[in-house]
Amino acid sequence: MDSSLASPLDAAAALPGETFSRVALTPQAQALLLRLRPIHGALMFHQSGGCCDGSSPMCFPKGEFLTSDADVLLGVFDLAGEELEFWMSREQFEYWKHTHLTVDVVSGRGSGFSVEAPEGKRFLIRSRLLD
């Protein structure tokens, strides 16, 4: 793994009035995103509610998943000089608003809609209460 990816990457705060990061990427997530970007172009995440894979963070080519007032922008990453937004459904945010989220990667297939699925990997969320 690239030594510049040795630590988690925090997103810049995106909610009005906040100065802290609500979401981070593990080094493994960063590395996978950097492999996916030349294939799919600029990327984005959306975390919805639901069960099974519907509760996993989904990675899409930027703009392919249309966000609206029903979504909250939790953070914006600067991943090797390119912005990567992390969105969550407003309804789901009500349940998760007291947590810090970390996007990680594990082996196995997740949903067929997320761009990492053909890689034999899937993104998942690890969470902790905000300090």
N, C-alpha and C. Protein backbone atom coordinates (compact mmCIF):
# COMPACT_ATOMS: atom_id res chain seq x y z
N MET A 1 0.85 -1.18 0.00
CA MET A 1 0.00 0.00 0.00
C MET A 1 0.89 1.23 0.00
N ASP A 2 0.46 2.26 -0.68
CA ASP A 2 1.14 3.54 -0.76
C ASP A 2 1.34 4.08 0.65
N SER A 3 2.57 4.48 1.00
CA SER A 3 2.85 4.97 2.35
C SER A 3 2.11 6.26 2.67
N SER A 4 1.65 7.01 1.66
CA SER A 4 0.88 8.22 1.93
C SER A 4 -0.52 7.88 2.43
N LEU A 5 -0.90 6.61 2.36
CA LEU A 5 -2.22 6.17 2.82
C LEU A 5 -2.11 5.43 4.15
N ALA A 6 -1.16 5.82 4.98
CA ALA A 6 -0.89 5.10 6.22
C ALA A 6 -1.86 5.42 7.35
N SER A 7 -2.70 6.43 7.20
CA SER A 7 -3.62 6.78 8.28
C SER A 7 -5.00 7.10 7.71
N PRO A 8 -6.01 7.06 8.58
CA PRO A 8 -7.36 7.41 8.12
C PRO A 8 -7.40 8.84 7.59
N LEU A 9 -8.32 9.08 6.66
CA LEU A 9 -8.50 10.39 6.07
C LEU A 9 -9.85 10.93 6.53
N ASP A 10 -9.84 12.07 7.23
CA ASP A 10 -11.07 12.70 7.69
C ASP A 10 -11.63 13.59 6.60
N ALA A 11 -12.95 13.59 6.51
CA ALA A 11 -13.64 14.49 5.58
C ALA A 11 -13.74 15.87 6.21
N ALA A 12 -13.76 16.88 5.37
CA ALA A 12 -14.02 18.23 5.85
C ALA A 12 -15.48 18.31 6.29
N ALA A 13 -15.72 19.08 7.34
CA ALA A 13 -17.09 19.28 7.83
C ALA A 13 -17.94 19.89 6.73
N ALA A 14 -19.20 19.45 6.62
CA ALA A 14 -20.08 19.95 5.58
C ALA A 14 -21.40 20.48 6.13
N LEU A 15 -21.74 20.11 7.37
CA LEU A 15 -23.00 20.59 7.93
C LEU A 15 -22.82 22.00 8.47
N PRO A 16 -23.77 22.88 8.21
CA PRO A 16 -23.65 24.28 8.65
C PRO A 16 -23.37 24.38 10.16
N GLY A 17 -22.37 25.19 10.50
CA GLY A 17 -22.02 25.42 11.90
C GLY A 17 -21.09 24.39 12.51
N GLU A 18 -20.84 23.28 11.82
CA GLU A 18 -19.95 22.26 12.39
C GLU A 18 -18.52 22.48 11.95
N THR A 19 -17.59 22.14 12.85
CA THR A 19 -16.16 22.28 12.55
C THR A 19 -15.42 20.96 12.69
N PHE A 20 -16.16 19.86 12.89
CA PHE A 20 -15.52 18.56 13.09
C PHE A 20 -15.93 17.59 12.00
N SER A 21 -15.08 16.59 11.79
CA SER A 21 -15.37 15.57 10.79
C SER A 21 -16.35 14.55 11.34
N ARG A 22 -17.32 14.19 10.53
CA ARG A 22 -18.27 13.15 10.88
C ARG A 22 -17.96 11.82 10.21
N VAL A 23 -17.03 11.84 9.25
CA VAL A 23 -16.78 10.63 8.47
C VAL A 23 -15.32 10.57 8.06
N ALA A 24 -14.79 9.34 8.01
CA ALA A 24 -13.39 9.11 7.64
C ALA A 24 -13.30 7.90 6.71
N LEU A 25 -12.17 7.80 6.03
CA LEU A 25 -11.86 6.64 5.18
C LEU A 25 -10.64 5.93 5.75
N THR A 26 -10.70 4.61 5.91
CA THR A 26 -9.52 3.86 6.31
C THR A 26 -8.51 3.90 5.16
N PRO A 27 -7.24 3.60 5.45
CA PRO A 27 -6.26 3.51 4.36
C PRO A 27 -6.67 2.51 3.28
N GLN A 28 -7.30 1.40 3.68
CA GLN A 28 -7.74 0.40 2.71
C GLN A 28 -8.85 0.95 1.81
N ALA A 29 -9.77 1.72 2.39
CA ALA A 29 -10.83 2.34 1.59
C ALA A 29 -10.24 3.37 0.63
N GLN A 30 -9.27 4.14 1.10
CA GLN A 30 -8.62 5.12 0.23
C GLN A 30 -7.96 4.43 -0.96
N ALA A 31 -7.24 3.35 -0.69
CA ALA A 31 -6.53 2.63 -1.75
C ALA A 31 -7.51 2.07 -2.78
N LEU A 32 -8.61 1.49 -2.32
CA LEU A 32 -9.60 0.95 -3.26
C LEU A 32 -10.23 2.07 -4.09
N LEU A 33 -10.57 3.17 -3.45
CA LEU A 33 -11.14 4.31 -4.19
C LEU A 33 -10.18 4.83 -5.25
N LEU A 34 -8.89 4.87 -4.93
CA LEU A 34 -7.90 5.33 -5.91
C LEU A 34 -7.76 4.35 -7.07
N ARG A 35 -8.01 3.06 -6.84
CA ARG A 35 -8.02 2.08 -7.93
C ARG A 35 -9.28 2.20 -8.78
N LEU A 36 -10.40 2.55 -8.14
CA LEU A 36 -11.68 2.64 -8.85
C LEU A 36 -11.82 3.93 -9.66
N ARG A 37 -11.18 4.99 -9.22
CA ARG A 37 -11.36 6.30 -9.87
C ARG A 37 -10.97 6.32 -11.34
N PRO A 38 -9.84 5.71 -11.76
CA PRO A 38 -9.52 5.71 -13.20
C PRO A 38 -10.55 4.93 -14.04
N ILE A 39 -11.23 4.00 -13.43
CA ILE A 39 -12.23 3.19 -14.13
C ILE A 39 -13.56 3.94 -14.26
N HIS A 40 -13.98 4.60 -13.17
CA HIS A 40 -15.32 5.17 -13.09
C HIS A 40 -15.35 6.70 -13.08
N GLY A 41 -14.20 7.34 -13.00
CA GLY A 41 -14.17 8.80 -12.88
C GLY A 41 -14.39 9.22 -11.44
N ALA A 42 -14.74 10.50 -11.26
CA ALA A 42 -14.98 11.03 -9.92
C ALA A 42 -16.08 10.20 -9.24
N LEU A 43 -15.93 10.01 -7.93
CA LEU A 43 -16.82 9.14 -7.18
C LEU A 43 -17.54 9.89 -6.07
N MET A 44 -18.56 9.25 -5.51
CA MET A 44 -19.30 9.77 -4.37
C MET A 44 -19.84 8.59 -3.57
N PHE A 45 -20.16 8.84 -2.30
CA PHE A 45 -20.82 7.83 -1.46
C PHE A 45 -22.22 8.30 -1.11
N HIS A 46 -23.12 7.33 -0.96
CA HIS A 46 -24.44 7.60 -0.39
C HIS A 46 -24.75 6.47 0.58
N GLN A 47 -25.16 6.83 1.78
CA GLN A 47 -25.55 5.88 2.82
C GLN A 47 -27.05 6.03 3.03
N SER A 48 -27.79 4.98 2.71
CA SER A 48 -29.24 5.05 2.90
C SER A 48 -29.62 4.21 4.09
N GLY A 49 -30.89 4.14 4.37
CA GLY A 49 -31.39 3.24 5.39
C GLY A 49 -31.68 1.91 4.75
N GLY A 50 -32.46 1.13 5.41
CA GLY A 50 -32.85 -0.14 4.82
C GLY A 50 -32.13 -1.30 5.45
N CYS A 51 -32.37 -2.46 4.90
CA CYS A 51 -31.77 -3.67 5.44
C CYS A 51 -30.72 -4.20 4.46
N CYS A 52 -29.99 -5.17 4.93
CA CYS A 52 -29.01 -5.87 4.10
C CYS A 52 -28.05 -4.88 3.45
N ASP A 53 -27.84 -4.99 2.14
CA ASP A 53 -26.91 -4.09 1.45
C ASP A 53 -27.42 -2.66 1.40
N GLY A 54 -28.72 -2.45 1.64
CA GLY A 54 -29.26 -1.10 1.65
C GLY A 54 -28.71 -0.25 2.77
N SER A 55 -28.11 -0.88 3.79
CA SER A 55 -27.54 -0.12 4.89
C SER A 55 -26.02 0.03 4.74
N SER A 56 -25.46 -0.46 3.67
CA SER A 56 -24.03 -0.30 3.39
C SER A 56 -23.80 0.99 2.63
N PRO A 57 -22.62 1.60 2.79
CA PRO A 57 -22.34 2.78 1.99
C PRO A 57 -22.17 2.38 0.53
N MET A 58 -22.85 3.06 -0.34
CA MET A 58 -22.79 2.74 -1.76
C MET A 58 -21.92 3.78 -2.46
N CYS A 59 -21.03 3.30 -3.30
CA CYS A 59 -20.12 4.17 -4.04
C CYS A 59 -20.57 4.22 -5.50
N PHE A 60 -20.74 5.44 -6.01
CA PHE A 60 -21.23 5.64 -7.37
C PHE A 60 -20.32 6.63 -8.10
N PRO A 61 -20.32 6.59 -9.43
CA PRO A 61 -19.72 7.70 -10.16
C PRO A 61 -20.44 8.99 -9.74
N LYS A 62 -19.68 10.03 -9.51
CA LYS A 62 -20.25 11.29 -9.03
C LYS A 62 -21.38 11.75 -9.95
N GLY A 63 -22.52 12.06 -9.34
CA GLY A 63 -23.67 12.53 -10.08
C GLY A 63 -24.59 11.43 -10.57
N GLU A 64 -24.14 10.17 -10.51
CA GLU A 64 -25.00 9.07 -10.97
C GLU A 64 -26.14 8.81 -9.99
N PHE A 65 -25.89 9.04 -8.70
CA PHE A 65 -26.94 8.96 -7.70
C PHE A 65 -27.39 10.39 -7.43
N LEU A 66 -28.65 10.68 -7.71
CA LEU A 66 -29.15 12.04 -7.56
C LEU A 66 -29.56 12.29 -6.11
N THR A 67 -28.97 13.30 -5.50
CA THR A 67 -29.32 13.68 -4.14
C THR A 67 -30.37 14.78 -4.18
N SER A 68 -31.03 14.97 -3.03
CA SER A 68 -32.09 15.97 -2.95
C SER A 68 -32.16 16.51 -1.52
N ASP A 69 -33.22 17.21 -1.22
CA ASP A 69 -33.43 17.71 0.15
C ASP A 69 -33.65 16.56 1.12
N ALA A 70 -33.87 15.37 0.62
CA ALA A 70 -34.05 14.19 1.47
C ALA A 70 -32.70 13.60 1.90
N ASP A 71 -31.59 14.24 1.49
CA ASP A 71 -30.24 13.77 1.80
C ASP A 71 -29.45 14.86 2.52
N VAL A 72 -28.44 14.43 3.28
CA VAL A 72 -27.57 15.33 4.03
C VAL A 72 -26.13 15.08 3.58
N LEU A 73 -25.42 16.15 3.24
CA LEU A 73 -23.99 16.03 2.92
C LEU A 73 -23.23 16.03 4.24
N LEU A 74 -22.65 14.88 4.61
CA LEU A 74 -21.94 14.76 5.89
C LEU A 74 -20.50 15.22 5.82
N GLY A 75 -19.89 15.11 4.68
CA GLY A 75 -18.48 15.50 4.58
C GLY A 75 -17.98 15.41 3.16
N VAL A 76 -16.86 16.10 2.95
CA VAL A 76 -16.21 16.09 1.64
C VAL A 76 -14.74 15.75 1.86
N PHE A 77 -14.30 14.67 1.22
CA PHE A 77 -12.90 14.23 1.31
C PHE A 77 -12.08 14.90 0.22
N ASP A 78 -10.84 15.18 0.53
CA ASP A 78 -9.85 15.54 -0.48
C ASP A 78 -9.00 14.29 -0.67
N LEU A 79 -9.36 13.48 -1.65
CA LEU A 79 -8.66 12.22 -1.89
C LEU A 79 -7.72 12.42 -3.06
N ALA A 80 -6.45 12.60 -2.76
CA ALA A 80 -5.41 12.80 -3.78
C ALA A 80 -5.78 13.94 -4.73
N GLY A 81 -6.27 15.04 -4.15
CA GLY A 81 -6.55 16.23 -4.94
C GLY A 81 -7.91 16.28 -5.61
N GLU A 82 -8.75 15.29 -5.35
CA GLU A 82 -10.09 15.31 -5.94
C GLU A 82 -11.13 15.16 -4.84
N GLU A 83 -12.20 15.93 -4.94
CA GLU A 83 -13.27 15.87 -3.94
C GLU A 83 -14.09 14.59 -4.08
N LEU A 84 -14.45 14.04 -2.94
CA LEU A 84 -15.33 12.88 -2.87
C LEU A 84 -16.34 13.17 -1.77
N GLU A 85 -17.60 13.28 -2.14
CA GLU A 85 -18.66 13.63 -1.19
C GLU A 85 -19.23 12.37 -0.54
N PHE A 86 -19.64 12.53 0.74
CA PHE A 86 -20.31 11.45 1.47
C PHE A 86 -21.68 11.97 1.88
N TRP A 87 -22.73 11.38 1.31
CA TRP A 87 -24.11 11.75 1.56
C TRP A 87 -24.81 10.67 2.37
N MET A 88 -25.84 11.07 3.11
CA MET A 88 -26.66 10.13 3.87
C MET A 88 -28.11 10.58 3.76
N SER A 89 -29.02 9.63 3.71
CA SER A 89 -30.44 10.02 3.69
C SER A 89 -30.74 10.75 5.00
N ARG A 90 -31.55 11.79 4.91
CA ARG A 90 -31.90 12.61 6.08
C ARG A 90 -32.54 11.75 7.17
N GLU A 91 -33.39 10.81 6.75
CA GLU A 91 -34.04 9.92 7.72
C GLU A 91 -33.01 9.07 8.47
N GLN A 92 -32.03 8.52 7.74
CA GLN A 92 -30.98 7.72 8.36
C GLN A 92 -30.11 8.58 9.27
N PHE A 93 -29.84 9.82 8.85
CA PHE A 93 -29.02 10.73 9.66
C PHE A 93 -29.62 10.94 11.05
N GLU A 94 -30.93 10.96 11.15
CA GLU A 94 -31.58 11.13 12.46
C GLU A 94 -31.16 10.02 13.42
N TYR A 95 -30.94 8.81 12.92
CA TYR A 95 -30.48 7.70 13.75
C TYR A 95 -28.98 7.76 14.04
N TRP A 96 -28.21 8.30 13.10
CA TRP A 96 -26.75 8.24 13.17
C TRP A 96 -26.11 9.57 13.57
N LYS A 97 -26.90 10.60 13.88
CA LYS A 97 -26.33 11.93 14.09
C LYS A 97 -25.37 12.03 15.28
N HIS A 98 -25.38 11.07 16.16
CA HIS A 98 -24.48 11.09 17.32
C HIS A 98 -23.24 10.22 17.11
N THR A 99 -23.02 9.80 15.86
CA THR A 99 -21.90 8.90 15.59
C THR A 99 -20.92 9.48 14.59
N HIS A 100 -19.68 9.01 14.71
CA HIS A 100 -18.66 9.27 13.70
C HIS A 100 -18.58 7.99 12.88
N LEU A 101 -18.56 8.13 11.56
CA LEU A 101 -18.56 6.98 10.66
C LEU A 101 -17.20 6.82 10.01
N THR A 102 -16.76 5.59 9.89
CA THR A 102 -15.52 5.30 9.18
C THR A 102 -15.83 4.28 8.10
N VAL A 103 -15.52 4.65 6.85
CA VAL A 103 -15.72 3.75 5.72
C VAL A 103 -14.51 2.83 5.65
N ASP A 104 -14.77 1.53 5.67
CA ASP A 104 -13.72 0.53 5.60
C ASP A 104 -14.04 -0.42 4.44
N VAL A 105 -13.16 -1.37 4.19
CA VAL A 105 -13.31 -2.34 3.11
C VAL A 105 -13.09 -3.73 3.67
N VAL A 106 -13.90 -4.68 3.22
CA VAL A 106 -13.71 -6.08 3.55
C VAL A 106 -13.85 -6.90 2.27
N SER A 107 -13.33 -8.10 2.29
CA SER A 107 -13.50 -9.00 1.16
C SER A 107 -14.92 -9.51 1.12
N GLY A 108 -15.40 -9.78 -0.06
CA GLY A 108 -16.75 -10.29 -0.24
C GLY A 108 -17.54 -9.36 -1.13
N ARG A 109 -18.61 -9.90 -1.66
CA ARG A 109 -19.45 -9.10 -2.57
C ARG A 109 -20.58 -8.46 -1.81
N GLY A 110 -20.73 -7.18 -2.05
CA GLY A 110 -21.88 -6.46 -1.51
C GLY A 110 -22.91 -6.31 -2.61
N SER A 111 -23.54 -5.17 -2.62
CA SER A 111 -24.58 -4.90 -3.62
C SER A 111 -23.98 -4.76 -5.01
N GLY A 112 -24.72 -5.17 -6.01
CA GLY A 112 -24.28 -5.01 -7.38
C GLY A 112 -24.32 -3.58 -7.87
N PHE A 113 -24.91 -2.65 -7.10
CA PHE A 113 -25.02 -1.27 -7.53
C PHE A 113 -23.80 -0.44 -7.19
N SER A 114 -23.02 -0.86 -6.22
CA SER A 114 -21.85 -0.10 -5.79
C SER A 114 -20.65 -0.49 -6.64
N VAL A 115 -19.84 0.49 -7.04
CA VAL A 115 -18.79 0.25 -8.04
C VAL A 115 -17.70 -0.72 -7.60
N GLU A 116 -17.56 -0.98 -6.31
CA GLU A 116 -16.50 -1.90 -5.87
C GLU A 116 -16.90 -3.36 -6.00
N ALA A 117 -18.17 -3.66 -6.23
CA ALA A 117 -18.66 -5.05 -6.25
C ALA A 117 -17.86 -5.97 -7.17
N PRO A 118 -17.51 -5.57 -8.40
CA PRO A 118 -16.74 -6.47 -9.27
C PRO A 118 -15.32 -6.74 -8.77
N GLU A 119 -14.85 -5.96 -7.81
CA GLU A 119 -13.49 -6.14 -7.28
C GLU A 119 -13.42 -7.24 -6.22
N GLY A 120 -14.57 -7.81 -5.85
CA GLY A 120 -14.58 -8.82 -4.78
C GLY A 120 -14.41 -8.19 -3.41
N LYS A 121 -14.70 -6.91 -3.30
CA LYS A 121 -14.60 -6.16 -2.05
C LYS A 121 -15.93 -5.47 -1.82
N ARG A 122 -16.14 -5.02 -0.59
CA ARG A 122 -17.31 -4.19 -0.32
C ARG A 122 -16.97 -3.19 0.77
N PHE A 123 -17.55 -2.01 0.62
CA PHE A 123 -17.40 -0.99 1.64
C PHE A 123 -18.37 -1.29 2.78
N LEU A 124 -17.96 -0.93 3.98
CA LEU A 124 -18.85 -1.04 5.14
C LEU A 124 -18.55 0.12 6.07
N ILE A 125 -19.47 0.34 7.00
CA ILE A 125 -19.35 1.44 7.96
C ILE A 125 -18.98 0.89 9.32
N ARG A 126 -18.00 1.50 9.93
CA ARG A 126 -17.68 1.26 11.33
C ARG A 126 -18.04 2.56 12.05
N SER A 127 -18.68 2.47 13.18
CA SER A 127 -19.12 3.70 13.83
C SER A 127 -18.71 3.72 15.31
N ARG A 128 -18.64 4.95 15.81
CA ARG A 128 -18.38 5.19 17.23
C ARG A 128 -19.15 6.45 17.61
N LEU A 129 -19.46 6.58 18.89
CA LEU A 129 -20.13 7.78 19.34
C LEU A 129 -19.20 8.98 19.19
N LEU A 130 -19.77 10.11 18.82
CA LEU A 130 -18.96 11.33 18.72
C LEU A 130 -18.48 11.72 20.11
N ASP A 131 -17.28 12.26 20.17
CA ASP A 131 -16.71 12.70 21.46
C ASP A 131 -17.40 13.95 21.93
